[in-house]
C-alpha atoms as a PDB file:
ATOM      1  CA  MET A   1     114.055 -51.239 116.056  1.00  0.00           C
ATOM      2  CA  THR A   2     112.512 -53.845 118.047  1.00  0.00           C
ATOM      3  CA  ILE A   3     114.024 -55.839 120.905  1.00  0.00           C
ATOM      4  CA  LYS A   4     112.593 -58.564 122.431  1.00  0.00           C
ATOM      5  CA  LEU A   5     113.830 -61.482 124.825  1.00  0.00           C
ATOM      6  CA  SER A   6     113.500 -64.689 123.087  1.00  0.00           C
ATOM      7  CA  HIS A   7     115.603 -67.399 124.881  1.00  0.00           C
ATOM      8  CA  THR A   8     117.270 -67.672 128.313  1.00  0.00           C
ATOM      9  CA  ILE A   9     119.519 -70.807 129.510  1.00  0.00           C
ATOM     10  CA  ILE A  10     119.092 -72.580 132.539  1.00  0.00           C
ATOM     11  CA  GLN A  11     121.623 -75.208 133.668  1.00  0.00           C
ATOM     12  CA  VAL A  12     120.588 -78.297 134.921  1.00  0.00           C
ATOM     13  CA  HIS A  13     122.016 -81.522 136.098  1.00  0.00           C
ATOM     14  CA  ASP A  14     119.492 -83.817 134.655  1.00  0.00           C
ATOM     15  CA  GLN A  15     117.317 -82.625 131.399  1.00  0.00           C
ATOM     16  CA  ASP A  16     114.626 -84.910 131.727  1.00  0.00           C
ATOM     17  CA  GLU A  17     114.318 -84.380 135.851  1.00  0.00           C
ATOM     18  CA  ALA A  18     114.043 -80.699 134.879  1.00  0.00           C
ATOM     19  CA  LEU A  19     111.625 -81.005 132.471  1.00  0.00           C
ATOM     20  CA  ALA A  20     109.302 -82.831 134.742  1.00  0.00           C
ATOM     21  CA  PHE A  21     109.938 -79.949 137.251  1.00  0.00           C
ATOM     22  CA  TYR A  22     109.085 -76.996 134.995  1.00  0.00           C
ATOM     23  CA  ARG A  23     106.472 -78.223 133.107  1.00  0.00           C
ATOM     24  CA  ASP A  24     104.439 -80.597 136.004  1.00  0.00           C
ATOM     25  CA  VAL A  25     105.440 -77.880 138.887  1.00  0.00           C
ATOM     26  CA  VAL A  26     106.063 -74.692 137.460  1.00  0.00           C
ATOM     27  CA  GLY A  27     103.432 -75.142 134.110  1.00  0.00           C
ATOM     28  CA  LEU A  28     105.639 -74.107 131.304  1.00  0.00           C
ATOM     29  CA  VAL A  29     104.963 -76.162 128.042  1.00  0.00           C
ATOM     30  CA  PRO A  30     107.304 -77.877 125.802  1.00  0.00           C
ATOM     31  CA  CYS A  31     108.709 -76.470 122.859  1.00  0.00           C
ATOM     32  CA  VAL A  32     111.548 -77.756 121.292  1.00  0.00           C
ATOM     33  CA  ASP A  33     113.223 -81.525 122.207  1.00  0.00           C
ATOM     34  CA  VAL A  34     116.361 -82.674 119.543  1.00  0.00           C
ATOM     35  CA  THR A  35     119.650 -83.926 120.232  1.00  0.00           C
ATOM     36  CA  MET A  36     122.177 -82.970 117.863  1.00  0.00           C
ATOM     37  CA  ASP A  37     125.036 -84.999 116.159  1.00  0.00           C
ATOM     38  CA  ASN A  38     127.444 -83.742 118.704  1.00  0.00           C
ATOM     39  CA  GLY A  39     125.020 -85.365 121.735  1.00  0.00           C
ATOM     40  CA  TYR A  40     123.937 -81.537 122.732  1.00  0.00           C
ATOM     41  CA  ARG A  41     120.199 -81.556 123.341  1.00  0.00           C
ATOM     42  CA  TRP A  42     118.136 -78.264 123.145  1.00  0.00           C
ATOM     43  CA  LEU A  43     115.376 -78.826 124.905  1.00  0.00           C
ATOM     44  CA  SER A  44     113.280 -75.684 125.656  1.00  0.00           C
ATOM     45  CA  LEU A  45     109.855 -74.773 127.579  1.00  0.00           C
ATOM     46  CA  GLY A  46     107.935 -71.627 127.668  1.00  0.00           C
ATOM     47  CA  PRO A  47     104.801 -69.891 129.290  1.00  0.00           C
ATOM     48  CA  ALA A  48     101.771 -70.993 127.318  1.00  0.00           C
ATOM     49  CA  ASP A  49     100.696 -67.426 126.844  1.00  0.00           C
ATOM     50  CA  GLN A  50     104.225 -66.596 125.811  1.00  0.00           C
ATOM     51  CA  PRO A  51     105.453 -68.534 122.947  1.00  0.00           C
ATOM     52  CA  ASP A  52     107.996 -66.208 121.841  1.00  0.00           C
ATOM     53  CA  VAL A  53     109.536 -66.903 124.997  1.00  0.00           C
ATOM     54  CA  GLN A  54     111.666 -70.215 125.652  1.00  0.00           C
ATOM     55  CA  ILE A  55     113.752 -71.339 128.737  1.00  0.00           C
ATOM     56  CA  VAL A  56     116.539 -74.031 127.108  1.00  0.00           C
ATOM     57  CA  LEU A  57     117.467 -76.102 130.085  1.00  0.00           C
ATOM     58  CA  GLU A  58     120.800 -76.845 129.213  1.00  0.00           C
ATOM     59  CA  ASP A  59     123.179 -80.098 130.661  1.00  0.00           C
ATOM     60  CA  VAL A  60     125.911 -78.572 132.537  1.00  0.00           C
ATOM     61  CA  THR A  61     128.048 -80.958 131.513  1.00  0.00           C
ATOM     62  CA  VAL A  62     127.676 -81.110 127.629  1.00  0.00           C
ATOM     63  CA  GLY A  63     129.808 -79.037 125.535  1.00  0.00           C
ATOM     64  CA  ARG A  64     132.898 -78.015 128.164  1.00  0.00           C
ATOM     65  CA  ALA A  65     135.844 -79.205 129.687  1.00  0.00           C
ATOM     66  CA  PRO A  66     135.587 -81.446 132.219  1.00  0.00           C
ATOM     67  CA  ALA A  67     137.182 -79.147 134.799  1.00  0.00           C
ATOM     68  CA  ASP A  68     134.768 -76.230 134.174  1.00  0.00           C
ATOM     69  CA  ALA A  69     132.020 -78.709 133.991  1.00  0.00           C
ATOM     70  CA  GLU A  70     132.969 -79.725 137.365  1.00  0.00           C
ATOM     71  CA  ALA A  71     133.278 -76.449 138.538  1.00  0.00           C
ATOM     72  CA  LEU A  72     129.987 -75.196 136.831  1.00  0.00           C
ATOM     73  CA  GLY A  73     128.069 -78.519 138.470  1.00  0.00           C
ATOM     74  CA  ASN A  74     129.446 -77.424 141.714  1.00  0.00           C
ATOM     75  CA  LEU A  75     128.033 -74.058 141.649  1.00  0.00           C
ATOM     76  CA  LEU A  76     124.905 -74.949 140.115  1.00  0.00           C
ATOM     77  CA  ALA A  77     124.774 -77.692 143.319  1.00  0.00           C
ATOM     78  CA  LYS A  78     125.216 -74.643 146.036  1.00  0.00           C
ATOM     79  CA  GLY A  79     122.344 -72.718 144.194  1.00  0.00           C
ATOM     80  CA  SER A  80     125.288 -70.304 143.454  1.00  0.00           C
ATOM     81  CA  LEU A  81     124.393 -69.427 139.652  1.00  0.00           C
ATOM     82  CA  SER A  82     121.688 -66.766 138.602  1.00  0.00           C
ATOM     83  CA  ALA A  83     118.168 -66.649 139.611  1.00  0.00           C
ATOM     84  CA  VAL A  84     115.131 -66.633 137.466  1.00  0.00           C
ATOM     85  CA  ILE A  85     111.462 -64.836 138.450  1.00  0.00           C
ATOM     86  CA  PHE A  86     108.667 -66.013 137.044  1.00  0.00           C
ATOM     87  CA  ALA A  87     105.269 -63.663 137.330  1.00  0.00           C
ATOM     88  CA  VAL A  88     102.355 -65.340 138.717  1.00  0.00           C
ATOM     89  CA  ASP A  89      98.514 -64.483 139.328  1.00  0.00           C
ATOM     90  CA  ASP A  90      98.763 -65.624 142.758  1.00  0.00           C
ATOM     91  CA  CYS A  91     101.795 -66.126 144.829  1.00  0.00           C
ATOM     92  CA  ASP A  92     100.222 -68.186 147.564  1.00  0.00           C
ATOM     93  CA  ALA A  93      98.168 -70.489 145.358  1.00  0.00           C
ATOM     94  CA  PHE A  94     101.376 -71.372 143.435  1.00  0.00           C
ATOM     95  CA  PHE A  95     103.649 -71.773 146.370  1.00  0.00           C
ATOM     96  CA  GLU A  96     101.214 -74.061 147.985  1.00  0.00           C
ATOM     97  CA  LYS A  97     101.000 -76.036 144.522  1.00  0.00           C
ATOM     98  CA  ALA A  98     104.534 -76.345 144.496  1.00  0.00           C
ATOM     99  CA  ARG A  99     105.473 -76.915 148.005  1.00  0.00           C
ATOM    100  CA  ALA A 100     102.785 -79.975 147.491  1.00  0.00           C
ATOM    101  CA  SER A 101     105.023 -81.428 144.830  1.00  0.00           C
ATOM    102  CA  GLY A 102     107.955 -81.706 147.140  1.00  0.00           C
ATOM    103  CA  ALA A 103     109.845 -78.763 145.396  1.00  0.00           C
ATOM    104  CA  GLU A 104     112.550 -77.398 147.982  1.00  0.00           C
ATOM    105  CA  VAL A 105     111.310 -74.470 149.611  1.00  0.00           C
ATOM    106  CA  MET A 106     113.592 -71.449 150.353  1.00  0.00           C
ATOM    107  CA  GLN A 107     110.790 -68.781 150.874  1.00  0.00           C
ATOM    108  CA  GLU A 108     107.449 -68.838 152.084  1.00  0.00           C
ATOM    109  CA  PRO A 109     105.217 -65.998 150.487  1.00  0.00           C
ATOM    110  CA  VAL A 110     105.501 -62.771 151.860  1.00  0.00           C
ATOM    111  CA  GLU A 111     105.393 -58.917 150.907  1.00  0.00           C
ATOM    112  CA  GLN A 112     108.120 -57.340 149.468  1.00  0.00           C
ATOM    113  CA  PRO A 113     108.975 -53.616 149.653  1.00  0.00           C
ATOM    114  CA  TYR A 114     109.441 -53.647 145.868  1.00  0.00           C
ATOM    115  CA  GLY A 115     105.699 -54.200 145.366  1.00  0.00           C
ATOM    116  CA  VAL A 116     105.345 -57.697 144.646  1.00  0.00           C
ATOM    117  CA  ARG A 117     104.334 -60.629 146.938  1.00  0.00           C
ATOM    118  CA  ASP A 118     106.736 -63.704 146.024  1.00  0.00           C
ATOM    119  CA  CYS A 119     107.878 -66.748 147.227  1.00  0.00           C
ATOM    120  CA  ALA A 120     111.264 -69.034 146.597  1.00  0.00           C
ATOM    121  CA  PHE A 121     112.035 -72.388 145.769  1.00  0.00           C
ATOM    122  CA  ARG A 122     114.727 -74.757 144.296  1.00  0.00           C
ATOM    123  CA  ASP A 123     114.345 -76.604 141.168  1.00  0.00           C
ATOM    124  CA  PRO A 124     115.660 -80.302 141.228  1.00  0.00           C
ATOM    125  CA  SER A 125     119.121 -79.101 140.346  1.00  0.00           C
ATOM    126  CA  GLY A 126     119.533 -76.523 142.785  1.00  0.00           C
ATOM    127  CA  ASN A 127     118.610 -73.191 140.918  1.00  0.00           C
ATOM    128  CA  HIS A 128     116.868 -70.260 142.619  1.00  0.00           C
ATOM    129  CA  LEU A 129     113.546 -69.638 141.549  1.00  0.00           C
ATOM    130  CA  ARG A 130     111.208 -66.973 142.859  1.00  0.00           C
ATOM    131  CA  PHE A 131     107.336 -66.559 142.045  1.00  0.00           C
ATOM    132  CA  ALA A 132     106.101 -63.159 142.319  1.00  0.00           C
ATOM    133  CA  ALA A 133     102.487 -61.324 142.130  1.00  0.00           C
ATOM    134  CA  PRO A 134     101.918 -57.768 142.239  1.00  0.00           C
ATOM    135  CA  LEU A 135     100.650 -56.432 145.607  1.00  0.00           C
ATOM    136  CA  LYS A 136      96.864 -55.509 145.140  1.00  0.00           C
ATOM    137  CA  ARG A 137      96.725 -51.951 146.503  1.00  0.00           C
END
């Protein structure tokens, strides 16, 4: 039996703003952008060299009870939802590119004891994103 990751979901406040960030800053490529009859927009991107992996940018308010959408939106704005970690070839080069775009810096590049050099940003919705490159030993 084979098992692989195919999709993961990132909650966002504004799908168009998130699309621009993940495409233009992170460097992902758009995969699917379809709005269904119920108003749900399936918007996904993925790494160019991993076409079988998609990240769905889901509107935090769609398909939820108003109180739930508000609670989740508040957690999102604080950066309290799960983090996403991306592997990059060069952490420092990625950091400079993302910082130059105006992305909110959480952590400048640093060597971690678990074998990577990484940096951290928030996306426009407040999600915690890390970008890590293996340490060269």
